[in-house]
Protein backbone atom coordinates (compact mmCIF):
# COMPACT_ATOMS: atom_id res chain seq x y z
CA MET A 1 26.56 1.47 -11.81
CA ARG A 2 24.18 3.87 -13.50
CA LYS A 3 22.73 0.72 -15.41
CA ALA A 4 21.74 -0.91 -11.95
CA ILE A 5 20.43 2.21 -10.30
CA SER A 6 18.31 2.80 -13.19
CA THR A 7 17.09 -0.94 -13.29
CA LEU A 8 16.06 -0.61 -9.76
CA SER A 9 14.41 2.44 -9.79
CA LEU A 10 12.30 1.45 -12.75
CA THR A 11 11.44 -1.98 -10.67
CA GLY A 12 10.10 0.68 -8.08
CA LEU A 13 8.17 2.33 -10.23
CA LEU A 14 6.69 -0.48 -11.61
CA ALA A 15 5.84 -2.06 -8.09
CA ALA A 16 4.01 1.39 -7.07
CA ALA A 17 2.02 1.43 -10.32
CA ALA A 18 1.05 -2.43 -9.26
CA LEU A 19 -0.05 -1.35 -6.17
CA LEU A 20 -2.54 1.73 -7.43
CA LEU A 21 -3.75 -0.15 -9.97
CA ALA A 22 -4.45 -3.72 -8.10
CA PRO A 23 -8.25 -4.56 -8.37
CA SER A 24 -7.79 -6.56 -5.39
CA ALA A 25 -8.67 -3.99 -2.78
CA GLN A 26 -11.61 -1.94 -4.94
CA ALA A 27 -13.13 -5.08 -5.83
CA ALA A 28 -13.80 -6.30 -2.19
CA GLY A 29 -15.37 -2.97 -1.19
CA LEU A 30 -12.11 -1.17 -0.08
CA VAL A 31 -11.44 2.18 -0.04
CA TYR A 32 -8.02 3.48 -0.75
CA VAL A 33 -6.41 5.17 1.90
CA GLY A 34 -2.19 5.96 0.32
CA MET A 35 0.96 4.58 0.33
CA TYR A 36 3.50 3.92 2.79
CA PRO A 37 6.99 2.77 2.72
CA THR A 38 6.98 -0.03 4.81
CA ALA A 39 4.68 -3.05 5.47
CA ALA A 40 5.18 -2.22 9.37
CA ALA A 41 4.27 1.38 8.75
CA CYS A 42 1.38 0.51 7.00
CA ASP A 43 0.19 -1.51 9.39
CA ALA A 44 0.64 1.36 12.06
CA ALA A 45 -1.71 2.87 10.15
CA GLY A 46 -4.47 0.48 9.77
CA LYS A 47 -4.10 0.10 13.64
CA ASP A 48 -4.42 3.95 13.91
CA TYR A 49 -7.98 4.20 11.82
CA VAL A 50 -9.34 1.35 13.42
CA ALA A 51 -8.49 2.89 17.00
CA ARG A 52 -9.73 6.30 16.34
CA GLY A 53 -13.09 4.74 15.28
CA LEU A 54 -12.82 5.89 11.80
CA THR A 55 -12.75 1.91 10.15
CA THR A 56 -13.64 -1.18 11.25
CA GLY A 57 -11.02 -3.28 9.07
CA TYR A 58 -7.86 -2.44 7.28
CA PHE A 59 -5.69 -3.80 4.65
CA CYS A 60 -1.97 -3.33 3.00
CA ASP A 61 -1.32 -4.58 -0.23
CA VAL A 62 2.91 -5.25 0.15
CA THR A 63 5.65 -4.98 -1.98
CA PRO A 64 8.93 -4.72 -0.98
CA TYR A 65 9.10 -1.47 -2.47
CA ALA A 66 5.78 -0.06 -0.91
CA SER A 67 2.63 -0.52 1.05
CA ARG A 68 -1.04 0.62 0.16
CA LEU A 69 -3.72 0.97 2.49
CA SER A 70 -7.16 0.40 2.31
CA ILE A 71 -10.39 0.19 4.79
CA TRP A 72 -13.74 -0.79 5.21
CA GLY A 73 -16.85 -0.27 7.25
């Protein structure tokens, strides 16, 4: 049981690290805003940024464990 929990924890940490280090968003001129626990939460936050006029668009990098919000414009 401990081994399974450790494996899942390590997988989650690696996924979060991959999102933080992923060059795709930064190479495209996007500005990193934050991490969200689900794709739906990331999408809602991105739509809120657009609705408030703080950005013209957003992008969510999604894995099964987390989602990273980046904005542009």
